[in-house]
Amino acid sequence: MIEAGSRKRNQPAPPSVVFEALTQPDRAGARPWLHLLDDEVRPRVMQSDKPGLVVWSSLWIKRSDAVVRFDLPPGREGTDLRWTLLVEEPIPDDALLGHLRKRLNRLINADLRYSFGQ
């Protein structure tokens, strides 16, 4: 697989809490954050190693080969979450790639982050 995008940003929650949010986004008592668009499907957890790693299946119908890897090392007062988008050849065209990256950024660095009160 080819890396098609990656972004690192601190999340205010500790790795164990971020891990739980990524592996169980609909758990009881959680603030909803995984709001999908019409061209997206709920990802499934393909791999996990608590509390430092989560790998999701694709969110996108158009790129069902895509995989999203989340590295969750402890960071300053929280988790230095890095998402990495991996795809098979061929790499998506610029418009689609921009959309995929933007959606991950929105879901993880906005919606998930806000669910922790930030």
PDB file of N, CA and C in Angstrom:
ATOM      1  N   MET A   1       0.842  -1.179   0.000  1.00  0.00           N
ATOM      2  CA  MET A   1       0.000   0.000   0.000  1.00  0.00           C
ATOM      3  C   MET A   1       0.884   1.237   0.000  1.00  0.00           C
ATOM      4  N   ILE A   2       0.320   2.309  -0.538  1.00  0.00           N
ATOM      5  CA  ILE A   2       1.045   3.568  -0.682  1.00  0.00           C
ATOM      6  C   ILE A   2       0.458   4.593   0.277  1.00  0.00           C
ATOM      7  N   GLU A   3       1.328   5.340   0.945  1.00  0.00           N
ATOM      8  CA  GLU A   3       0.848   6.419   1.800  1.00  0.00           C
ATOM      9  C   GLU A   3       0.336   7.550   0.923  1.00  0.00           C
ATOM     10  N   ALA A   4      -0.932   7.920   1.119  1.00  0.00           N
ATOM     11  CA  ALA A   4      -1.557   8.968   0.320  1.00  0.00           C
ATOM     12  C   ALA A   4      -1.816  10.226   1.136  1.00  0.00           C
ATOM     13  N   GLY A   5      -1.507  10.187   2.405  1.00  0.00           N
ATOM     14  CA  GLY A   5      -1.685  11.357   3.253  1.00  0.00           C
ATOM     15  C   GLY A   5      -1.449  10.992   4.699  1.00  0.00           C
ATOM     16  N   SER A   6      -1.048  11.992   5.475  1.00  0.00           N
ATOM     17  CA  SER A   6      -0.800  11.774   6.890  1.00  0.00           C
ATOM     18  C   SER A   6      -0.849  13.123   7.590  1.00  0.00           C
ATOM     19  N   ARG A   7      -1.327  13.121   8.819  1.00  0.00           N
ATOM     20  CA  ARG A   7      -1.364  14.354   9.592  1.00  0.00           C
ATOM     21  C   ARG A   7      -1.266  14.008  11.064  1.00  0.00           C
ATOM     22  N   LYS A   8      -0.482  14.795  11.785  1.00  0.00           N
ATOM     23  CA  LYS A   8      -0.315  14.597  13.222  1.00  0.00           C
ATOM     24  C   LYS A   8      -0.860  15.820  13.943  1.00  0.00           C
ATOM     25  N   ARG A   9      -1.666  15.556  14.974  1.00  0.00           N
ATOM     26  CA  ARG A   9      -2.186  16.648  15.792  1.00  0.00           C
ATOM     27  C   ARG A   9      -2.483  16.114  17.182  1.00  0.00           C
ATOM     28  N   ASN A  10      -2.233  16.951  18.163  1.00  0.00           N
ATOM     29  CA  ASN A  10      -2.490  16.558  19.540  1.00  0.00           C
ATOM     30  C   ASN A  10      -3.984  16.541  19.821  1.00  0.00           C
ATOM     31  N   GLN A  11      -4.419  15.479  20.484  1.00  0.00           N
ATOM     32  CA  GLN A  11      -5.792  15.364  20.979  1.00  0.00           C
ATOM     33  C   GLN A  11      -5.733  15.534  22.493  1.00  0.00           C
ATOM     34  N   PRO A  12      -6.713  16.198  23.101  1.00  0.00           N
ATOM     35  CA  PRO A  12      -6.630  16.495  24.529  1.00  0.00           C
ATOM     36  C   PRO A  12      -6.834  15.294  25.449  1.00  0.00           C
ATOM     37  N   ALA A  13      -7.335  14.192  24.931  1.00  0.00           N
ATOM     38  CA  ALA A  13      -7.589  13.000  25.750  1.00  0.00           C
ATOM     39  C   ALA A  13      -6.376  12.066  25.732  1.00  0.00           C
ATOM     40  N   PRO A  14      -6.215  11.247  26.781  1.00  0.00           N
ATOM     41  CA  PRO A  14      -5.106  10.288  26.802  1.00  0.00           C
ATOM     42  C   PRO A  14      -5.310   9.178  25.765  1.00  0.00           C
ATOM     43  N   PRO A  15      -4.228   8.469  25.394  1.00  0.00           N
ATOM     44  CA  PRO A  15      -4.325   7.429  24.363  1.00  0.00           C
ATOM     45  C   PRO A  15      -5.424   6.400  24.604  1.00  0.00           C
ATOM     46  N   SER A  16      -5.639   5.970  25.832  1.00  0.00           N
ATOM     47  CA  SER A  16      -6.664   4.946  26.083  1.00  0.00           C
ATOM     48  C   SER A  16      -8.065   5.448  25.749  1.00  0.00           C
ATOM     49  N   VAL A  17      -8.323   6.725  25.976  1.00  0.00           N
ATOM     50  CA  VAL A  17      -9.634   7.311  25.670  1.00  0.00           C
ATOM     51  C   VAL A  17      -9.793   7.490  24.162  1.00  0.00           C
ATOM     52  N   VAL A  18      -8.745   7.953  23.489  1.00  0.00           N
ATOM     53  CA  VAL A  18      -8.790   8.104  22.031  1.00  0.00           C
ATOM     54  C   VAL A  18      -8.962   6.735  21.382  1.00  0.00           C
ATOM     55  N   PHE A  19      -8.239   5.743  21.875  1.00  0.00           N
ATOM     56  CA  PHE A  19      -8.362   4.373  21.369  1.00  0.00           C
ATOM     57  C   PHE A  19      -9.812   3.907  21.456  1.00  0.00           C
ATOM     58  N   GLU A  20     -10.431   4.104  22.599  1.00  0.00           N
ATOM     59  CA  GLU A  20     -11.825   3.687  22.788  1.00  0.00           C
ATOM     60  C   GLU A  20     -12.757   4.430  21.832  1.00  0.00           C
ATOM     61  N   ALA A  21     -12.523   5.721  21.636  1.00  0.00           N
ATOM     62  CA  ALA A  21     -13.365   6.509  20.732  1.00  0.00           C
ATOM     63  C   ALA A  21     -13.252   6.011  19.291  1.00  0.00           C
ATOM     64  N   LEU A  22     -12.058   5.613  18.875  1.00  0.00           N
ATOM     65  CA  LEU A  22     -11.852   5.129  17.504  1.00  0.00           C
ATOM     66  C   LEU A  22     -12.372   3.710  17.305  1.00  0.00           C
ATOM     67  N   THR A  23     -12.309   2.891  18.336  1.00  0.00           N
ATOM     68  CA  THR A  23     -12.739   1.496  18.196  1.00  0.00           C
ATOM     69  C   THR A  23     -14.216   1.299  18.522  1.00  0.00           C
ATOM     70  N   GLN A  24     -14.796   2.236  19.268  1.00  0.00           N
ATOM     71  CA  GLN A  24     -16.210   2.140  19.658  1.00  0.00           C
ATOM     72  C   GLN A  24     -16.869   3.519  19.576  1.00  0.00           C
ATOM     73  N   PRO A  25     -16.978   4.086  18.391  1.00  0.00           N
ATOM     74  CA  PRO A  25     -17.504   5.455  18.284  1.00  0.00           C
ATOM     75  C   PRO A  25     -18.946   5.610  18.757  1.00  0.00           C
ATOM     76  N   ASP A  26     -19.710   4.534  18.798  1.00  0.00           N
ATOM     77  CA  ASP A  26     -21.117   4.607  19.208  1.00  0.00           C
ATOM     78  C   ASP A  26     -21.350   4.081  20.619  1.00  0.00           C
ATOM     79  N   ARG A  27     -20.299   3.990  21.423  1.00  0.00           N
ATOM     80  CA  ARG A  27     -20.440   3.431  22.766  1.00  0.00           C
ATOM     81  C   ARG A  27     -21.377   4.297  23.612  1.00  0.00           C
ATOM     82  N   ALA A  28     -22.007   3.677  24.584  1.00  0.00           N
ATOM     83  CA  ALA A  28     -22.932   4.377  25.474  1.00  0.00           C
ATOM     84  C   ALA A  28     -22.206   5.497  26.214  1.00  0.00           C
ATOM     85  N   GLY A  29     -22.843   6.638  26.285  1.00  0.00           N
ATOM     86  CA  GLY A  29     -22.277   7.771  27.005  1.00  0.00           C
ATOM     87  C   GLY A  29     -21.307   8.616  26.208  1.00  0.00           C
ATOM     88  N   ALA A  30     -20.951   8.189  25.011  1.00  0.00           N
ATOM     89  CA  ALA A  30     -20.001   8.948  24.190  1.00  0.00           C
ATOM     90  C   ALA A  30     -20.728  10.053  23.435  1.00  0.00           C
ATOM     91  N   ARG A  31     -20.029  11.154  23.210  1.00  0.00           N
ATOM     92  CA  ARG A  31     -20.573  12.199  22.347  1.00  0.00           C
ATOM     93  C   ARG A  31     -20.444  11.727  20.907  1.00  0.00           C
ATOM     94  N   PRO A  32     -21.518  11.819  20.133  1.00  0.00           N
ATOM     95  CA  PRO A  32     -21.427  11.382  18.733  1.00  0.00           C
ATOM     96  C   PRO A  32     -20.446  12.262  17.953  1.00  0.00           C
ATOM     97  N   TRP A  33     -19.603  11.625  17.163  1.00  0.00           N
ATOM     98  CA  TRP A  33     -18.640  12.390  16.369  1.00  0.00           C
ATOM     99  C   TRP A  33     -18.442  11.810  14.969  1.00  0.00           C
ATOM    100  N   LEU A  34     -18.746  10.547  14.758  1.00  0.00           N
ATOM    101  CA  LEU A  34     -18.497   9.908  13.458  1.00  0.00           C
ATOM    102  C   LEU A  34     -19.723  10.102  12.560  1.00  0.00           C
ATOM    103  N   HIS A  35     -19.829  11.300  11.996  1.00  0.00           N
ATOM    104  CA  HIS A  35     -20.945  11.656  11.120  1.00  0.00           C
ATOM    105  C   HIS A  35     -20.503  11.432   9.678  1.00  0.00           C
ATOM    106  N   LEU A  36     -21.106  10.457   9.017  1.00  0.00           N
ATOM    107  CA  LEU A  36     -20.681  10.059   7.675  1.00  0.00           C
ATOM    108  C   LEU A  36     -21.490  10.766   6.594  1.00  0.00           C
ATOM    109  N   LEU A  37     -20.841  10.987   5.463  1.00  0.00           N
ATOM    110  CA  LEU A  37     -21.498  11.562   4.290  1.00  0.00           C
ATOM    111  C   LEU A  37     -22.137  10.447   3.465  1.00  0.00           C
ATOM    112  N   ASP A  38     -22.912  10.833   2.453  1.00  0.00           N
ATOM    113  CA  ASP A  38     -23.618   9.853   1.621  1.00  0.00           C
ATOM    114  C   ASP A  38     -22.683   8.891   0.894  1.00  0.00           C
ATOM    115  N   ASP A  39     -21.466   9.339   0.571  1.00  0.00           N
ATOM    116  CA  ASP A  39     -20.523   8.479  -0.160  1.00  0.00           C
ATOM    117  C   ASP A  39     -19.595   7.700   0.775  1.00  0.00           C
ATOM    118  N   GLU A  40     -19.937   7.649   2.063  1.00  0.00           N
ATOM    119  CA  GLU A  40     -19.087   6.989   3.057  1.00  0.00           C
ATOM    120  C   GLU A  40     -19.826   5.842   3.746  1.00  0.00           C
ATOM    121  N   VAL A  41     -19.049   4.911   4.250  1.00  0.00           N
ATOM    122  CA  VAL A  41     -19.585   3.777   5.011  1.00  0.00           C
ATOM    123  C   VAL A  41     -18.856   3.706   6.350  1.00  0.00           C
ATOM    124  N   ARG A  42     -19.525   3.143   7.326  1.00  0.00           N
ATOM    125  CA  ARG A  42     -18.921   3.002   8.652  1.00  0.00           C
ATOM    126  C   ARG A  42     -17.698   2.083   8.550  1.00  0.00           C
ATOM    127  N   PRO A  43     -16.550   2.544   9.029  1.00  0.00           N
ATOM    128  CA  PRO A  43     -15.358   1.692   8.972  1.00  0.00           C
ATOM    129  C   PRO A  43     -15.434   0.591  10.019  1.00  0.00           C
ATOM    130  N   ARG A  44     -14.703  -0.470   9.754  1.00  0.00           N
ATOM    131  CA  ARG A  44     -14.574  -1.504  10.777  1.00  0.00           C
ATOM    132  C   ARG A  44     -13.120  -1.526  11.233  1.00  0.00           C
ATOM    133  N   VAL A  45     -12.928  -1.936  12.454  1.00  0.00           N
ATOM    134  CA  VAL A  45     -11.576  -2.019  13.008  1.00  0.00           C
ATOM    135  C   VAL A  45     -10.937  -3.284  12.465  1.00  0.00           C
ATOM    136  N   MET A  46      -9.859  -3.110  11.695  1.00  0.00           N
ATOM    137  CA  MET A  46      -9.149  -4.234  11.089  1.00  0.00           C
ATOM    138  C   MET A  46      -8.027  -4.740  11.992  1.00  0.00           C
ATOM    139  N   GLN A  47      -7.476  -3.826  12.785  1.00  0.00           N
ATOM    140  CA  GLN A  47      -6.354  -4.170  13.665  1.00  0.00           C
ATOM    141  C   GLN A  47      -6.347  -3.171  14.813  1.00  0.00           C
ATOM    142  N   SER A  48      -5.957  -3.633  15.976  1.00  0.00           N
ATOM    143  CA  SER A  48      -5.801  -2.714  17.100  1.00  0.00           C
ATOM    144  C   SER A  48      -4.797  -3.291  18.088  1.00  0.00           C
ATOM    145  N   ASP A  49      -4.117  -2.391  18.751  1.00  0.00           N
ATOM    146  CA  ASP A  49      -3.165  -2.751  19.801  1.00  0.00           C
ATOM    147  C   ASP A  49      -3.294  -1.672  20.874  1.00  0.00           C
ATOM    148  N   LYS A  50      -4.100  -1.951  21.878  1.00  0.00           N
ATOM    149  CA  LYS A  50      -4.433  -0.955  22.892  1.00  0.00           C
ATOM    150  C   LYS A  50      -3.206  -0.565  23.694  1.00  0.00           C
ATOM    151  N   PRO A  51      -2.971   0.714  23.947  1.00  0.00           N
ATOM    152  CA  PRO A  51      -3.748   1.854  23.497  1.00  0.00           C
ATOM    153  C   PRO A  51      -3.131   2.601  22.328  1.00  0.00           C
ATOM    154  N   GLY A  52      -2.154   2.005  21.631  1.00  0.00           N
ATOM    155  CA  GLY A  52      -1.350   2.789  20.704  1.00  0.00           C
ATOM    156  C   GLY A  52      -1.638   2.702  19.229  1.00  0.00           C
ATOM    157  N   LEU A  53      -2.506   1.782  18.776  1.00  0.00           N
ATOM    158  CA  LEU A  53      -2.692   1.604  17.336  1.00  0.00           C
ATOM    159  C   LEU A  53      -4.120   1.167  17.026  1.00  0.00           C
ATOM    160  N   VAL A  54      -4.696   1.792  16.002  1.00  0.00           N
ATOM    161  CA  VAL A  54      -5.987   1.376  15.455  1.00  0.00           C
ATOM    162  C   VAL A  54      -5.874   1.465  13.938  1.00  0.00           C
ATOM    163  N   VAL A  55      -6.363   0.444  13.242  1.00  0.00           N
ATOM    164  CA  VAL A  55      -6.411   0.464  11.776  1.00  0.00           C
ATOM    165  C   VAL A  55      -7.856   0.249  11.356  1.00  0.00           C
ATOM    166  N   TRP A  56      -8.360   1.182  10.554  1.00  0.00           N
ATOM    167  CA  TRP A  56      -9.728   1.132  10.041  1.00  0.00           C
ATOM    168  C   TRP A  56      -9.750   0.654   8.602  1.00  0.00           C
ATOM    169  N   SER A  57     -10.839  -0.004   8.233  1.00  0.00           N
ATOM    170  CA  SER A  57     -11.129  -0.249   6.821  1.00  0.00           C
ATOM    171  C   SER A  57     -11.551   1.080   6.197  1.00  0.00           C
ATOM    172  N   SER A  58     -11.777   1.072   4.910  1.00  0.00           N
ATOM    173  CA  SER A  58     -12.108   2.291   4.182  1.00  0.00           C
ATOM    174  C   SER A  58     -13.433   2.894   4.626  1.00  0.00           C
ATOM    175  N   LEU A  59     -13.475   4.206   4.568  1.00  0.00           N
ATOM    176  CA  LEU A  59     -14.710   4.965   4.783  1.00  0.00           C
ATOM    177  C   LEU A  59     -15.443   5.215   3.466  1.00  0.00           C
ATOM    178  N   TRP A  60     -14.767   4.983   2.349  1.00  0.00           N
ATOM    179  CA  TRP A  60     -15.267   5.475   1.067  1.00  0.00           C
ATOM    180  C   TRP A  60     -15.657   4.369   0.103  1.00  0.00           C
ATOM    181  N   ILE A  61     -16.849   4.488  -0.418  1.00  0.00           N
ATOM    182  CA  ILE A  61     -17.356   3.547  -1.408  1.00  0.00           C
ATOM    183  C   ILE A  61     -16.463   3.558  -2.650  1.00  0.00           C
ATOM    184  N   LYS A  62     -16.028   4.754  -3.085  1.00  0.00           N
ATOM    185  CA  LYS A  62     -15.208   4.874  -4.296  1.00  0.00           C
ATOM    186  C   LYS A  62     -13.799   4.307  -4.127  1.00  0.00           C
ATOM    187  N   ARG A  63     -13.320   4.241  -2.906  1.00  0.00           N
ATOM    188  CA  ARG A  63     -11.977   3.707  -2.649  1.00  0.00           C
ATOM    189  C   ARG A  63     -12.047   2.690  -1.515  1.00  0.00           C
ATOM    190  N   SER A  64     -12.702   1.580  -1.807  1.00  0.00           N
ATOM    191  CA  SER A  64     -12.876   0.538  -0.787  1.00  0.00           C
ATOM    192  C   SER A  64     -11.549  -0.120  -0.404  1.00  0.00           C
ATOM    193  N   ASP A  65     -10.494   0.125  -1.194  1.00  0.00           N
ATOM    194  CA  ASP A  65      -9.169  -0.411  -0.888  1.00  0.00           C
ATOM    195  C   ASP A  65      -8.439   0.398   0.186  1.00  0.00           C
ATOM    196  N   ALA A  66      -8.908   1.597   0.460  1.00  0.00           N
ATOM    197  CA  ALA A  66      -8.208   2.482   1.396  1.00  0.00           C
ATOM    198  C   ALA A  66      -8.227   1.915   2.813  1.00  0.00           C
ATOM    199  N   VAL A  67      -7.185   2.241   3.546  1.00  0.00           N
ATOM    200  CA  VAL A  67      -7.042   1.859   4.951  1.00  0.00           C
ATOM    201  C   VAL A  67      -6.574   3.106   5.691  1.00  0.00           C
ATOM    202  N   VAL A  68      -7.060   3.291   6.905  1.00  0.00           N
ATOM    203  CA  VAL A  68      -6.626   4.420   7.724  1.00  0.00           C
ATOM    204  C   VAL A  68      -5.970   3.878   8.986  1.00  0.00           C
ATOM    205  N   ARG A  69      -4.726   4.277   9.181  1.00  0.00           N
ATOM    206  CA  ARG A  69      -3.956   3.849  10.357  1.00  0.00           C
ATOM    207  C   ARG A  69      -3.877   5.017  11.333  1.00  0.00           C
ATOM    208  N   PHE A  70      -4.142   4.729  12.605  1.00  0.00           N
ATOM    209  CA  PHE A  70      -4.036   5.729  13.658  1.00  0.00           C
ATOM    210  C   PHE A  70      -2.948   5.300  14.633  1.00  0.00           C
ATOM    211  N   ASP A  71      -1.915   6.122  14.749  1.00  0.00           N
ATOM    212  CA  ASP A  71      -0.880   5.913  15.755  1.00  0.00           C
ATOM    213  C   ASP A  71      -1.195   6.855  16.910  1.00  0.00           C
ATOM    214  N   LEU A  72      -1.181   6.327  18.136  1.00  0.00           N
ATOM    215  CA  LEU A  72      -1.682   7.055  19.302  1.00  0.00           C
ATOM    216  C   LEU A  72      -0.654   7.145  20.431  1.00  0.00           C
ATOM    217  N   PRO A  73       0.515   7.744  20.185  1.00  0.00           N
ATOM    218  CA  PRO A  73       1.486   7.867  21.271  1.00  0.00           C
ATOM    219  C   PRO A  73       1.059   8.956  22.257  1.00  0.00           C
ATOM    220  N   PRO A  74       1.454   8.808  23.530  1.00  0.00           N
ATOM    221  CA  PRO A  74       1.174   9.885  24.479  1.00  0.00           C
ATOM    222  C   PRO A  74       1.876  11.157  24.020  1.00  0.00           C
ATOM    223  N   GLY A  75       1.238  12.280  24.280  1.00  0.00           N
ATOM    224  CA  GLY A  75       1.816  13.571  23.921  1.00  0.00           C
ATOM    225  C   GLY A  75       1.551  14.570  25.017  1.00  0.00           C
ATOM    226  N   ARG A  76       1.900  15.786  24.757  1.00  0.00           N
ATOM    227  CA  ARG A  76       1.712  16.823  25.767  1.00  0.00           C
ATOM    228  C   ARG A  76       0.245  16.888  26.200  1.00  0.00           C
ATOM    229  N   GLU A  77       0.001  16.496  27.407  1.00  0.00           N
ATOM    230  CA  GLU A  77      -1.332  16.532  28.014  1.00  0.00           C
ATOM    231  C   GLU A  77      -2.398  15.833  27.172  1.00  0.00           C
ATOM    232  N   GLY A  78      -2.052  14.742  26.520  1.00  0.00           N
ATOM    233  CA  GLY A  78      -3.038  14.017  25.720  1.00  0.00           C
ATOM    234  C   GLY A  78      -2.382  12.982  24.831  1.00  0.00           C
ATOM    235  N   THR A  79      -2.789  12.990  23.564  1.00  0.00           N
ATOM    236  CA  THR A  79      -2.324  12.010  22.583  1.00  0.00           C
ATOM    237  C   THR A  79      -1.866  12.732  21.327  1.00  0.00           C
ATOM    238  N   ASP A  80      -0.681  12.414  20.843  1.00  0.00           N
ATOM    239  CA  ASP A  80      -0.201  12.961  19.567  1.00  0.00           C
ATOM    240  C   ASP A  80      -0.670  12.048  18.441  1.00  0.00           C
ATOM    241  N   LEU A  81      -1.951  12.111  18.137  1.00  0.00           N
ATOM    242  CA  LEU A  81      -2.568  11.237  17.138  1.00  0.00           C
ATOM    243  C   LEU A  81      -2.042  11.556  15.740  1.00  0.00           C
ATOM    244  N   ARG A  82      -1.639  10.519  15.031  1.00  0.00           N
ATOM    245  CA  ARG A  82      -1.291  10.644  13.608  1.00  0.00           C
ATOM    246  C   ARG A  82      -2.185   9.701  12.827  1.00  0.00           C
ATOM    247  N   TRP A  83      -2.926  10.252  11.849  1.00  0.00           N
ATOM    248  CA  TRP A  83      -3.649   9.392  10.915  1.00  0.00           C
ATOM    249  C   TRP A  83      -2.828   9.293   9.644  1.00  0.00           C
ATOM    250  N   THR A  84      -2.864   8.119   9.051  1.00  0.00           N
ATOM    251  CA  THR A  84      -2.176   7.875   7.785  1.00  0.00           C
ATOM    252  C   THR A  84      -3.151   7.163   6.860  1.00  0.00           C
ATOM    253  N   LEU A  85      -3.353   7.741   5.686  1.00  0.00           N
ATOM    254  CA  LEU A  85      -4.225   7.169   4.665  1.00  0.00           C
ATOM    255  C   LEU A  85      -3.374   6.330   3.723  1.00  0.00           C
ATOM    256  N   LEU A  86      -3.721   5.061   3.587  1.00  0.00           N
ATOM    257  CA  LEU A  86      -2.991   4.132   2.721  1.00  0.00           C
ATOM    258  C   LEU A  86      -3.940   3.628   1.639  1.00  0.00           C
ATOM    259  N   VAL A  87      -3.447   3.579   0.400  1.00  0.00           N
ATOM    260  CA  VAL A  87      -4.260   3.109  -0.727  1.00  0.00           C
ATOM    261  C   VAL A  87      -3.430   2.205  -1.628  1.00  0.00           C
ATOM    262  N   GLU A  88      -4.130   1.410  -2.410  1.00  0.00           N
ATOM    263  CA  GLU A  88      -3.488   0.616  -3.458  1.00  0.00           C
ATOM    264  C   GLU A  88      -3.325   1.494  -4.700  1.00  0.00           C
ATOM    265  N   GLU A  89      -2.450   1.092  -5.606  1.00  0.00           N
ATOM    266  CA  GLU A  89      -2.329   1.761  -6.908  1.00  0.00           C
ATOM    267  C   GLU A  89      -3.645   1.612  -7.660  1.00  0.00           C
ATOM    268  N   PRO A  90      -4.064   2.540  -8.432  1.00  0.00           N
ATOM    269  CA  PRO A  90      -3.458   3.850  -8.650  1.00  0.00           C
ATOM    270  C   PRO A  90      -3.862   4.835  -7.547  1.00  0.00           C
ATOM    271  N   ILE A  91      -2.987   5.795  -7.310  1.00  0.00           N
ATOM    272  CA  ILE A  91      -3.278   6.875  -6.359  1.00  0.00           C
ATOM    273  C   ILE A  91      -4.504   7.627  -6.877  1.00  0.00           C
ATOM    274  N   PRO A  92      -5.417   8.042  -5.997  1.00  0.00           N
ATOM    275  CA  PRO A  92      -6.571   8.823  -6.460  1.00  0.00           C
ATOM    276  C   PRO A  92      -6.125  10.111  -7.154  1.00  0.00           C
ATOM    277  N   ASP A  93      -6.970  10.596  -8.075  1.00  0.00           N
ATOM    278  CA  ASP A  93      -6.653  11.878  -8.716  1.00  0.00           C
ATOM    279  C   ASP A  93      -6.663  12.976  -7.653  1.00  0.00           C
ATOM    280  N   ASP A  94      -6.138  14.146  -8.005  1.00  0.00           N
ATOM    281  CA  ASP A  94      -5.958  15.218  -7.025  1.00  0.00           C
ATOM    282  C   ASP A  94      -7.259  15.620  -6.334  1.00  0.00           C
ATOM    283  N   ALA A  95      -8.353  15.683  -7.085  1.00  0.00           N
ATOM    284  CA  ALA A  95      -9.633  16.102  -6.502  1.00  0.00           C
ATOM    285  C   ALA A  95     -10.114  15.091  -5.460  1.00  0.00           C
ATOM    286  N   LEU A  96     -10.087  13.814  -5.801  1.00  0.00           N
ATOM    287  CA  LEU A  96     -10.543  12.787  -4.866  1.00  0.00           C
ATOM    288  C   LEU A  96      -9.599  12.684  -3.673  1.00  0.00           C
ATOM    289  N   LEU A  97      -8.299  12.742  -3.920  1.00  0.00           N
ATOM    290  CA  LEU A  97      -7.332  12.664  -2.834  1.00  0.00           C
ATOM    291  C   LEU A  97      -7.523  13.824  -1.860  1.00  0.00           C
ATOM    292  N   GLY A  98      -7.752  15.013  -2.402  1.00  0.00           N
ATOM    293  CA  GLY A  98      -8.019  16.174  -1.551  1.00  0.00           C
ATOM    294  C   GLY A  98      -9.260  15.968  -0.696  1.00  0.00           C
ATOM    295  N   HIS A  99     -10.300  15.388  -1.295  1.00  0.00           N
ATOM    296  CA  HIS A  99     -11.541  15.114  -0.564  1.00  0.00           C
ATOM    297  C   HIS A  99     -11.292  14.108   0.567  1.00  0.00           C
ATOM    298  N   LEU A 100     -10.577  13.023   0.288  1.00  0.00           N
ATOM    299  CA  LEU A 100     -10.311  11.998   1.302  1.00  0.00           C
ATOM    300  C   LEU A 100      -9.523  12.579   2.476  1.00  0.00           C
ATOM    301  N   ARG A 101      -8.489  13.338   2.164  1.00  0.00           N
ATOM    302  CA  ARG A 101      -7.667  13.948   3.216  1.00  0.00           C
ATOM    303  C   ARG A 101      -8.476  14.945   4.044  1.00  0.00           C
ATOM    304  N   LYS A 102      -9.261  15.760   3.349  1.00  0.00           N
ATOM    305  CA  LYS A 102     -10.073  16.763   4.045  1.00  0.00           C
ATOM    306  C   LYS A 102     -11.078  16.097   4.985  1.00  0.00           C
ATOM    307  N   ARG A 103     -11.695  15.013   4.522  1.00  0.00           N
ATOM    308  CA  ARG A 103     -12.672  14.317   5.365  1.00  0.00           C
ATOM    309  C   ARG A 103     -12.012  13.715   6.604  1.00  0.00           C
ATOM    310  N   LEU A 104     -10.855  13.096   6.434  1.00  0.00           N
ATOM    311  CA  LEU A 104     -10.155  12.553   7.605  1.00  0.00           C
ATOM    312  C   LEU A 104      -9.795  13.663   8.581  1.00  0.00           C
ATOM    313  N   ASN A 105      -9.307  14.758   8.039  1.00  0.00           N
ATOM    314  CA  ASN A 105      -8.960  15.885   8.890  1.00  0.00           C
ATOM    315  C   ASN A 105     -10.182  16.377   9.651  1.00  0.00           C
ATOM    316  N   ARG A 106     -11.311  16.485   8.963  1.00  0.00           N
ATOM    317  CA  ARG A 106     -12.547  16.951   9.603  1.00  0.00           C
ATOM    318  C   ARG A 106     -13.001  15.961  10.686  1.00  0.00           C
ATOM    319  N   LEU A 107     -13.065  14.691  10.324  1.00  0.00           N
ATOM    320  CA  LEU A 107     -13.543  13.688  11.278  1.00  0.00           C
ATOM    321  C   LEU A 107     -12.647  13.578  12.512  1.00  0.00           C
ATOM    322  N   ILE A 108     -11.337  13.578  12.299  1.00  0.00           N
ATOM    323  CA  ILE A 108     -10.404  13.311  13.397  1.00  0.00           C
ATOM    324  C   ILE A 108      -9.966  14.583  14.115  1.00  0.00           C
ATOM    325  N   ASN A 109      -9.539  15.587  13.360  1.00  0.00           N
ATOM    326  CA  ASN A 109      -8.971  16.782  13.985  1.00  0.00           C
ATOM    327  C   ASN A 109      -9.994  17.866  14.282  1.00  0.00           C
ATOM    328  N   ALA A 110     -11.253  17.605  13.964  1.00  0.00           N
ATOM    329  CA  ALA A 110     -12.328  18.517  14.352  1.00  0.00           C
ATOM    330  C   ALA A 110     -13.374  17.744  15.156  1.00  0.00           C
ATOM    331  N   ASP A 111     -14.138  16.869  14.490  1.00  0.00           N
ATOM    332  CA  ASP A 111     -15.265  16.206  15.153  1.00  0.00           C
ATOM    333  C   ASP A 111     -14.840  15.354  16.357  1.00  0.00           C
ATOM    334  N   LEU A 112     -13.838  14.502  16.180  1.00  0.00           N
ATOM    335  CA  LEU A 112     -13.363  13.690  17.309  1.00  0.00           C
ATOM    336  C   LEU A 112     -12.810  14.590  18.407  1.00  0.00           C
ATOM    337  N   ARG A 113     -11.983  15.543  18.021  1.00  0.00           N
ATOM    338  CA  ARG A 113     -11.380  16.476  18.978  1.00  0.00           C
ATOM    339  C   ARG A 113     -12.455  17.202  19.784  1.00  0.00           C
ATOM    340  N   TYR A 114     -13.485  17.701  19.096  1.00  0.00           N
ATOM    341  CA  TYR A 114     -14.559  18.428  19.785  1.00  0.00           C
ATOM    342  C   TYR A 114     -15.320  17.515  20.739  1.00  0.00           C
ATOM    343  N   SER A 115     -15.369  16.222  20.446  1.00  0.00           N
ATOM    344  CA  SER A 115     -16.070  15.298  21.346  1.00  0.00           C
ATOM    345  C   SER A 115     -15.364  15.193  22.703  1.00  0.00           C
ATOM    346  N   PHE A 116     -14.105  15.601  22.741  1.00  0.00           N
ATOM    347  CA  PHE A 116     -13.351  15.618  23.999  1.00  0.00           C
ATOM    348  C   PHE A 116     -13.440  16.978  24.691  1.00  0.00           C
ATOM    349  N   GLY A 117     -14.255  17.875  24.145  1.00  0.00           N
ATOM    350  CA  GLY A 117     -14.453  19.178  24.766  1.00  0.00           C
ATOM    351  C   GLY A 117     -13.487  20.246  24.315  1.00  0.00           C
ATOM    352  N   GLN A 118     -12.820  20.039  23.186  1.00  0.00           N
ATOM    353  CA  GLN A 118     -11.867  21.038  22.671  1.00  0.00           C
ATOM    354  C   GLN A 118     -12.307  21.564  21.338  1.00  0.00           C
TER     355      GLN A 118
END
